[in-house]
N, C-alpha and C. Protein backbone atom coordinates (compact mmCIF):
# COMPACT_ATOMS: atom_id res chain seq x y z
N MET A 1 272.27 0.60 -30.86
CA MET A 1 272.13 1.95 -31.35
C MET A 1 271.88 1.87 -32.86
N ASN A 2 270.87 2.61 -33.32
CA ASN A 2 270.65 2.70 -34.76
C ASN A 2 270.03 4.05 -35.09
N THR A 3 269.81 4.29 -36.35
CA THR A 3 269.30 5.59 -36.79
C THR A 3 267.80 5.56 -37.02
N ASN A 4 267.12 4.47 -36.64
CA ASN A 4 265.70 4.32 -36.91
C ASN A 4 264.84 5.37 -36.21
N ASP A 5 265.33 5.98 -35.16
CA ASP A 5 264.56 6.99 -34.45
C ASP A 5 264.60 8.36 -35.12
N GLU A 6 265.48 8.53 -36.09
CA GLU A 6 265.60 9.82 -36.77
C GLU A 6 264.61 9.90 -37.91
N PRO A 7 264.02 11.07 -38.12
CA PRO A 7 263.10 11.21 -39.26
C PRO A 7 263.87 11.10 -40.58
N THR A 8 263.20 10.55 -41.58
CA THR A 8 263.81 10.44 -42.89
C THR A 8 263.87 11.81 -43.54
N PRO A 9 265.04 12.25 -43.97
CA PRO A 9 265.14 13.56 -44.64
C PRO A 9 264.37 13.55 -45.96
N SER A 10 263.79 14.67 -46.29
CA SER A 10 263.08 14.79 -47.56
C SER A 10 264.08 15.09 -48.68
N PHE A 11 263.63 14.88 -49.91
CA PHE A 11 264.45 15.23 -51.06
C PHE A 11 264.86 16.70 -50.97
N GLU A 12 263.90 17.56 -50.64
CA GLU A 12 264.16 19.00 -50.59
C GLU A 12 265.23 19.35 -49.55
N SER A 13 265.15 18.70 -48.38
CA SER A 13 266.15 19.02 -47.35
C SER A 13 267.53 18.49 -47.73
N ILE A 14 267.58 17.32 -48.36
CA ILE A 14 268.87 16.79 -48.83
C ILE A 14 269.46 17.70 -49.90
N ASP A 15 268.63 18.10 -50.86
CA ASP A 15 269.10 18.97 -51.94
C ASP A 15 269.59 20.30 -51.41
N ALA A 16 268.86 20.88 -50.46
CA ALA A 16 269.29 22.16 -49.86
C ALA A 16 270.61 21.97 -49.12
N HIS A 17 270.77 20.85 -48.46
CA HIS A 17 272.01 20.56 -47.72
C HIS A 17 273.21 20.53 -48.68
N ILE A 18 273.04 19.89 -49.83
CA ILE A 18 274.12 19.78 -50.81
C ILE A 18 274.55 21.17 -51.29
N TYR A 19 273.60 22.05 -51.51
CA TYR A 19 273.92 23.37 -52.03
C TYR A 19 274.50 24.30 -50.98
N GLN A 20 274.49 23.91 -49.72
CA GLN A 20 275.08 24.74 -48.66
C GLN A 20 276.56 24.44 -48.45
N VAL A 21 277.06 23.41 -49.08
CA VAL A 21 278.45 22.99 -48.88
C VAL A 21 279.39 23.96 -49.59
N PRO A 22 280.37 24.50 -48.88
CA PRO A 22 281.39 25.34 -49.53
C PRO A 22 282.41 24.44 -50.23
N TRP A 23 282.10 24.08 -51.45
CA TRP A 23 282.92 23.12 -52.19
C TRP A 23 284.39 23.48 -52.28
N PRO A 24 284.77 24.74 -52.48
CA PRO A 24 286.21 25.05 -52.54
C PRO A 24 286.95 24.64 -51.27
N ASP A 25 286.31 24.82 -50.10
CA ASP A 25 286.96 24.43 -48.84
C ASP A 25 287.13 22.92 -48.75
N VAL A 26 286.10 22.18 -49.15
CA VAL A 26 286.16 20.73 -49.09
C VAL A 26 287.21 20.21 -50.07
N LEU A 27 287.17 20.71 -51.28
CA LEU A 27 288.08 20.23 -52.31
C LEU A 27 289.52 20.69 -52.10
N ALA A 28 289.73 21.70 -51.27
CA ALA A 28 291.08 22.18 -50.99
C ALA A 28 291.84 21.21 -50.08
N LEU A 29 291.14 20.34 -49.39
CA LEU A 29 291.82 19.37 -48.55
C LEU A 29 292.56 18.38 -49.44
N ASN A 30 293.83 18.21 -49.18
CA ASN A 30 294.68 17.36 -50.01
C ASN A 30 294.92 16.05 -49.30
N ILE A 31 294.06 15.07 -49.57
CA ILE A 31 294.15 13.81 -48.85
C ILE A 31 295.23 12.88 -49.39
N ILE A 32 295.74 13.17 -50.57
CA ILE A 32 296.79 12.33 -51.15
C ILE A 32 298.15 12.67 -50.53
N ASP A 33 298.50 13.95 -50.56
CA ASP A 33 299.82 14.37 -50.11
C ASP A 33 299.89 14.69 -48.61
N ASN A 34 298.74 14.95 -48.00
CA ASN A 34 298.72 15.33 -46.59
C ASN A 34 297.84 14.38 -45.80
N PRO A 35 298.43 13.35 -45.22
CA PRO A 35 297.62 12.41 -44.44
C PRO A 35 296.83 13.08 -43.32
N SER A 36 297.31 14.21 -42.82
CA SER A 36 296.58 14.89 -41.75
C SER A 36 295.25 15.47 -42.23
N ASP A 37 295.05 15.58 -43.55
CA ASP A 37 293.77 16.06 -44.10
C ASP A 37 292.74 14.94 -44.24
N ARG A 38 293.15 13.70 -44.05
CA ARG A 38 292.24 12.58 -44.33
C ARG A 38 291.05 12.53 -43.38
N LEU A 39 291.27 12.67 -42.09
CA LEU A 39 290.15 12.64 -41.15
C LEU A 39 289.23 13.84 -41.34
N PRO A 40 289.75 15.07 -41.47
CA PRO A 40 288.85 16.19 -41.74
C PRO A 40 288.06 16.01 -43.04
N PHE A 41 288.68 15.41 -44.06
CA PHE A 41 287.98 15.17 -45.32
C PHE A 41 286.86 14.14 -45.11
N LEU A 42 287.17 13.06 -44.39
CA LEU A 42 286.16 12.05 -44.10
C LEU A 42 284.98 12.67 -43.35
N ILE A 43 285.28 13.49 -42.37
CA ILE A 43 284.22 14.13 -41.58
C ILE A 43 283.38 15.05 -42.47
N ALA A 44 284.04 15.80 -43.34
CA ALA A 44 283.32 16.71 -44.23
C ALA A 44 282.43 15.94 -45.20
N ILE A 45 282.96 14.89 -45.80
CA ILE A 45 282.19 14.10 -46.76
C ILE A 45 281.06 13.36 -46.06
N PHE A 46 281.31 12.85 -44.86
CA PHE A 46 280.24 12.20 -44.13
C PHE A 46 279.13 13.19 -43.79
N GLY A 47 279.51 14.39 -43.37
CA GLY A 47 278.51 15.42 -43.08
C GLY A 47 277.67 15.74 -44.30
N LEU A 48 278.31 15.71 -45.45
CA LEU A 48 277.61 15.98 -46.71
C LEU A 48 276.66 14.84 -47.07
N THR A 49 277.11 13.61 -46.92
CA THR A 49 276.33 12.46 -47.41
C THR A 49 275.41 11.85 -46.35
N ARG A 50 275.54 12.23 -45.10
CA ARG A 50 274.74 11.62 -44.04
C ARG A 50 273.24 11.68 -44.32
N PRO A 51 272.67 12.82 -44.72
CA PRO A 51 271.22 12.83 -44.99
C PRO A 51 270.82 11.85 -46.09
N MET A 52 271.64 11.69 -47.12
CA MET A 52 271.33 10.74 -48.19
C MET A 52 271.37 9.31 -47.66
N LEU A 53 272.40 8.99 -46.87
CA LEU A 53 272.51 7.66 -46.30
C LEU A 53 271.35 7.37 -45.35
N LEU A 54 270.97 8.36 -44.55
CA LEU A 54 269.85 8.20 -43.64
C LEU A 54 268.56 7.92 -44.41
N ALA A 55 268.35 8.62 -45.50
CA ALA A 55 267.16 8.39 -46.32
C ALA A 55 267.16 6.97 -46.88
N MET A 56 268.33 6.45 -47.21
CA MET A 56 268.42 5.10 -47.77
C MET A 56 268.06 4.03 -46.74
N THR A 57 268.27 4.33 -45.44
CA THR A 57 267.96 3.32 -44.42
C THR A 57 266.46 3.15 -44.22
N ASN A 58 265.66 4.04 -44.77
CA ASN A 58 264.21 3.96 -44.63
C ASN A 58 263.49 3.83 -45.97
N ASN A 59 264.22 3.48 -47.01
CA ASN A 59 263.64 3.38 -48.34
C ASN A 59 263.19 1.93 -48.59
N PRO A 60 261.89 1.72 -48.82
CA PRO A 60 261.41 0.35 -49.01
C PRO A 60 261.95 -0.33 -50.27
N MET A 61 262.52 0.43 -51.19
CA MET A 61 263.06 -0.16 -52.41
C MET A 61 264.46 -0.74 -52.19
N ILE A 62 265.06 -0.43 -51.05
CA ILE A 62 266.39 -0.95 -50.73
C ILE A 62 266.21 -2.14 -49.79
N PRO A 63 266.81 -3.28 -50.12
CA PRO A 63 266.65 -4.49 -49.28
C PRO A 63 267.02 -4.21 -47.81
N GLU A 64 266.32 -4.88 -46.91
CA GLU A 64 266.53 -4.66 -45.48
C GLU A 64 267.97 -4.94 -45.06
N THR A 65 268.60 -5.94 -45.65
CA THR A 65 269.99 -6.23 -45.27
C THR A 65 270.92 -5.10 -45.69
N TRP A 66 270.62 -4.48 -46.83
CA TRP A 66 271.41 -3.33 -47.27
C TRP A 66 271.16 -2.16 -46.33
N GLN A 67 269.90 -1.97 -45.96
CA GLN A 67 269.56 -0.89 -45.03
C GLN A 67 270.31 -1.06 -43.71
N ALA A 68 270.38 -2.30 -43.24
CA ALA A 68 271.09 -2.59 -41.99
C ALA A 68 272.58 -2.26 -42.12
N ALA A 69 273.17 -2.58 -43.26
CA ALA A 69 274.59 -2.28 -43.48
C ALA A 69 274.82 -0.77 -43.52
N ILE A 70 273.94 -0.05 -44.19
CA ILE A 70 274.06 1.42 -44.25
C ILE A 70 273.88 2.00 -42.85
N ASP A 71 272.92 1.46 -42.09
CA ASP A 71 272.69 1.92 -40.73
C ASP A 71 273.93 1.71 -39.86
N LEU A 72 274.57 0.56 -40.01
CA LEU A 72 275.79 0.29 -39.25
C LEU A 72 276.90 1.28 -39.62
N LEU A 73 277.03 1.56 -40.91
CA LEU A 73 278.00 2.57 -41.34
C LEU A 73 277.69 3.93 -40.73
N LEU A 74 276.42 4.32 -40.75
CA LEU A 74 276.01 5.61 -40.18
C LEU A 74 276.35 5.68 -38.69
N VAL A 75 275.98 4.66 -37.95
CA VAL A 75 276.22 4.66 -36.51
C VAL A 75 277.71 4.71 -36.22
N THR A 76 278.49 3.94 -36.95
CA THR A 76 279.95 3.93 -36.75
C THR A 76 280.55 5.30 -37.04
N LEU A 77 280.18 5.88 -38.17
CA LEU A 77 280.73 7.19 -38.52
C LEU A 77 280.17 8.30 -37.62
N ASP A 78 278.95 8.14 -37.11
CA ASP A 78 278.42 9.10 -36.14
C ASP A 78 279.32 9.14 -34.91
N VAL A 79 279.74 7.97 -34.43
CA VAL A 79 280.59 7.91 -33.25
C VAL A 79 281.97 8.50 -33.56
N VAL A 80 282.53 8.16 -34.71
CA VAL A 80 283.87 8.65 -35.08
C VAL A 80 283.87 10.16 -35.26
N THR A 81 282.81 10.69 -35.88
CA THR A 81 282.79 12.12 -36.22
C THR A 81 282.06 12.99 -35.21
N GLY A 82 281.29 12.38 -34.31
CA GLY A 82 280.50 13.17 -33.36
C GLY A 82 279.23 13.71 -33.97
N GLU A 83 278.82 13.19 -35.12
CA GLU A 83 277.59 13.62 -35.79
C GLU A 83 276.40 12.85 -35.25
N GLY A 84 275.21 13.34 -35.50
CA GLY A 84 273.98 12.59 -35.40
C GLY A 84 273.64 11.96 -34.07
N GLY A 85 274.01 12.53 -32.96
CA GLY A 85 273.56 12.00 -31.69
C GLY A 85 274.32 10.79 -31.19
N GLY A 86 275.48 10.51 -31.75
CA GLY A 86 276.28 9.40 -31.26
C GLY A 86 276.82 9.65 -29.87
N GLY A 87 276.80 10.91 -29.41
CA GLY A 87 277.23 11.24 -28.07
C GLY A 87 278.73 11.41 -27.91
N VAL A 88 279.49 11.16 -28.93
CA VAL A 88 280.95 11.30 -28.86
C VAL A 88 281.35 12.45 -29.75
N GLU A 89 282.04 13.41 -29.18
CA GLU A 89 282.47 14.56 -29.97
C GLU A 89 283.79 14.27 -30.64
N GLY A 90 283.83 14.48 -31.93
CA GLY A 90 285.07 14.35 -32.68
C GLY A 90 285.45 15.69 -33.26
N PRO A 91 286.51 15.76 -34.03
CA PRO A 91 286.90 17.02 -34.66
C PRO A 91 285.82 17.46 -35.64
N LYS A 92 285.62 18.75 -35.74
CA LYS A 92 284.60 19.31 -36.62
C LYS A 92 285.25 20.22 -37.65
N LEU A 93 284.66 20.26 -38.82
CA LEU A 93 285.04 21.22 -39.84
C LEU A 93 283.89 22.16 -40.04
N SER A 94 284.17 23.37 -40.42
CA SER A 94 283.10 24.33 -40.67
C SER A 94 282.49 24.14 -42.05
N VAL A 95 282.98 23.20 -42.83
CA VAL A 95 282.50 23.05 -44.21
C VAL A 95 281.19 22.30 -44.31
N CYS A 96 280.76 21.60 -43.31
CA CYS A 96 279.48 20.89 -43.41
C CYS A 96 278.67 21.14 -42.22
């Protein structure tokens, strides 16, 4: 399983995605004092950064071995979070 079948997001789509994030909701999660906020925070941050990471897996300026490592991270977090067609549903936050 890899992310090579997904289209590379454009700069415009990544930028628009960043501006849609309700930052107060994301930043209100207290991952230091509340361990129960850690997984929702990870899911929110992954949802935010996934388009950027996906774009990096198809960038010719990034070495292929680095692209492979980023792809592995994407696939792993897709399964954990239920994002991106991994087929496994995980907990969702409305923030991303």
